[in-house]
């Protein structure tokens, strides 16, 4: 398992990406909109919310007027990449 603290600046749209393993995020602060590239999924998260992220589905996070701090738990194997940004 890999655990990361991630800070995403305000007014940022992350690149479309996928995850090769199950993972979940906990929002420490800020507001994050998570969108699937196919348009079928969209969810807005606030401080205190959790999100099991999509596996194998291209998605991205978009921040608003404040930075977002996340703790993300990745259930992969040692040296496994946490994301594929080529999608």
C-alpha atoms as a PDB file:
ATOM      1  CA  UNK A   1       0.000   0.000   0.000  1.00  0.00           C
ATOM      2  CA  UNK A   2       1.159   3.519  -0.811  1.00  0.00           C
ATOM      3  CA  UNK A   3      -0.198   6.549   1.050  1.00  0.00           C
ATOM      4  CA  UNK A   4       0.379  10.046  -0.372  1.00  0.00           C
ATOM      5  CA  UNK A   5      -0.554  13.541   0.704  1.00  0.00           C
ATOM      6  CA  UNK A   6      -1.374  15.492  -2.447  1.00  0.00           C
ATOM      7  CA  UNK A   7      -1.922  19.243  -2.711  1.00  0.00           C
ATOM      8  CA  UNK A   8      -3.652  20.489  -5.872  1.00  0.00           C
ATOM      9  CA  UNK A   9      -3.443  24.264  -6.452  1.00  0.00           C
ATOM     10  CA  UNK A  10      -6.565  26.416  -6.834  1.00  0.00           C
ATOM     11  CA  UNK A  11      -8.014  26.747 -10.359  1.00  0.00           C
ATOM     12  CA  UNK A  12      -6.367  23.541 -11.567  1.00  0.00           C
ATOM     13  CA  UNK A  13      -7.682  20.825 -13.866  1.00  0.00           C
ATOM     14  CA  UNK A  14      -5.542  17.702 -13.523  1.00  0.00           C
ATOM     15  CA  UNK A  15      -4.706  15.788 -16.700  1.00  0.00           C
ATOM     16  CA  UNK A  16      -7.033  12.944 -17.644  1.00  0.00           C
ATOM     17  CA  UNK A  17      -5.624   9.750 -16.140  1.00  0.00           C
ATOM     18  CA  UNK A  18      -6.447   6.219 -14.995  1.00  0.00           C
ATOM     19  CA  UNK A  19      -5.367   4.142 -12.011  1.00  0.00           C
ATOM     20  CA  UNK A  20      -4.180   0.549 -12.396  1.00  0.00           C
ATOM     21  CA  UNK A  21      -5.134  -0.366  -8.810  1.00  0.00           C
ATOM     22  CA  UNK A  22      -7.893   0.330  -6.290  1.00  0.00           C
ATOM     23  CA  UNK A  23      -7.425   3.538  -4.331  1.00  0.00           C
ATOM     24  CA  UNK A  24      -9.357   5.909  -2.127  1.00  0.00           C
ATOM     25  CA  UNK A  25      -8.966   9.588  -1.286  1.00  0.00           C
ATOM     26  CA  UNK A  26      -9.802  11.564   1.842  1.00  0.00           C
ATOM     27  CA  UNK A  27     -10.279  15.319   1.405  1.00  0.00           C
ATOM     28  CA  UNK A  28      -8.477  17.256   4.139  1.00  0.00           C
ATOM     29  CA  UNK A  29      -9.402  20.708   2.820  1.00  0.00           C
ATOM     30  CA  UNK A  30     -10.881  22.437  -0.209  1.00  0.00           C
ATOM     31  CA  UNK A  31     -13.455  21.382  -2.799  1.00  0.00           C
ATOM     32  CA  UNK A  32     -12.682  18.977  -5.638  1.00  0.00           C
ATOM     33  CA  UNK A  33     -14.896  18.080  -8.582  1.00  0.00           C
ATOM     34  CA  UNK A  34     -14.093  14.618  -9.986  1.00  0.00           C
ATOM     35  CA  UNK A  35     -15.197  13.968 -13.565  1.00  0.00           C
ATOM     36  CA  UNK A  36     -15.002  10.918 -15.827  1.00  0.00           C
ATOM     37  CA  UNK A  37     -13.840  11.594 -19.355  1.00  0.00           C
ATOM     38  CA  UNK A  38     -16.870   9.790 -20.792  1.00  0.00           C
ATOM     39  CA  UNK A  39     -19.178  12.223 -18.959  1.00  0.00           C
ATOM     40  CA  UNK A  40     -21.041   9.490 -17.051  1.00  0.00           C
ATOM     41  CA  UNK A  41     -19.683  10.348 -13.605  1.00  0.00           C
ATOM     42  CA  UNK A  42     -19.216  13.629 -11.759  1.00  0.00           C
ATOM     43  CA  UNK A  43     -19.008  14.199  -8.031  1.00  0.00           C
ATOM     44  CA  UNK A  44     -18.081  17.214  -5.899  1.00  0.00           C
ATOM     45  CA  UNK A  45     -16.123  16.493  -2.728  1.00  0.00           C
ATOM     46  CA  UNK A  46     -15.600  18.727   0.303  1.00  0.00           C
ATOM     47  CA  UNK A  47     -13.371  18.562   3.382  1.00  0.00           C
ATOM     48  CA  UNK A  48     -14.148  15.370   5.298  1.00  0.00           C
ATOM     49  CA  UNK A  49     -15.459  13.468   2.254  1.00  0.00           C
ATOM     50  CA  UNK A  50     -13.987  10.218   0.958  1.00  0.00           C
ATOM     51  CA  UNK A  51     -13.935   8.842  -2.556  1.00  0.00           C
ATOM     52  CA  UNK A  52     -13.119   5.377  -3.873  1.00  0.00           C
ATOM     53  CA  UNK A  53     -11.493   6.369  -7.162  1.00  0.00           C
ATOM     54  CA  UNK A  54     -12.258   4.900 -10.559  1.00  0.00           C
ATOM     55  CA  UNK A  55      -9.997   2.074 -11.740  1.00  0.00           C
ATOM     56  CA  UNK A  56      -9.370   1.815 -15.469  1.00  0.00           C
ATOM     57  CA  UNK A  57     -11.696   4.758 -16.266  1.00  0.00           C
ATOM     58  CA  UNK A  58     -10.156   8.036 -17.458  1.00  0.00           C
ATOM     59  CA  UNK A  59     -10.969  10.824 -15.018  1.00  0.00           C
ATOM     60  CA  UNK A  60      -9.619  14.053 -13.554  1.00  0.00           C
ATOM     61  CA  UNK A  61     -10.009  16.367 -10.601  1.00  0.00           C
ATOM     62  CA  UNK A  62     -10.810  20.074 -10.913  1.00  0.00           C
ATOM     63  CA  UNK A  63     -10.297  22.556  -8.077  1.00  0.00           C
ATOM     64  CA  UNK A  64     -12.120  25.804  -7.417  1.00  0.00           C
ATOM     65  CA  UNK A  65     -10.986  28.981  -5.659  1.00  0.00           C
ATOM     66  CA  UNK A  66      -8.894  27.228  -2.989  1.00  0.00           C
ATOM     67  CA  UNK A  67      -6.205  24.525  -3.064  1.00  0.00           C
ATOM     68  CA  UNK A  68      -7.249  20.975  -2.229  1.00  0.00           C
ATOM     69  CA  UNK A  69      -5.357  18.729   0.177  1.00  0.00           C
ATOM     70  CA  UNK A  70      -5.916  14.977  -0.125  1.00  0.00           C
ATOM     71  CA  UNK A  71      -4.646  11.826   1.504  1.00  0.00           C
ATOM     72  CA  UNK A  72      -4.757   9.042  -1.093  1.00  0.00           C
ATOM     73  CA  UNK A  73      -4.414   5.334  -0.303  1.00  0.00           C
ATOM     74  CA  UNK A  74      -3.240   3.159  -3.232  1.00  0.00           C
ATOM     75  CA  UNK A  75      -3.580  -0.646  -2.959  1.00  0.00           C
ATOM     76  CA  UNK A  76      -0.889  -1.722  -5.413  1.00  0.00           C
ATOM     77  CA  UNK A  77       2.394  -3.610  -5.301  1.00  0.00           C
ATOM     78  CA  UNK A  78       5.864  -2.236  -4.661  1.00  0.00           C
ATOM     79  CA  UNK A  79       7.142   0.078  -7.446  1.00  0.00           C
ATOM     80  CA  UNK A  80       3.774   0.030  -9.268  1.00  0.00           C
ATOM     81  CA  UNK A  81       2.852   3.377 -10.856  1.00  0.00           C
ATOM     82  CA  UNK A  82      -0.140   5.027  -9.178  1.00  0.00           C
ATOM     83  CA  UNK A  83      -1.497   6.619 -12.378  1.00  0.00           C
ATOM     84  CA  UNK A  84      -1.310   6.472 -16.163  1.00  0.00           C
ATOM     85  CA  UNK A  85      -1.528   9.962 -17.666  1.00  0.00           C
ATOM     86  CA  UNK A  86      -1.405   8.775 -21.276  1.00  0.00           C
ATOM     87  CA  UNK A  87      -5.169   8.332 -21.564  1.00  0.00           C
END
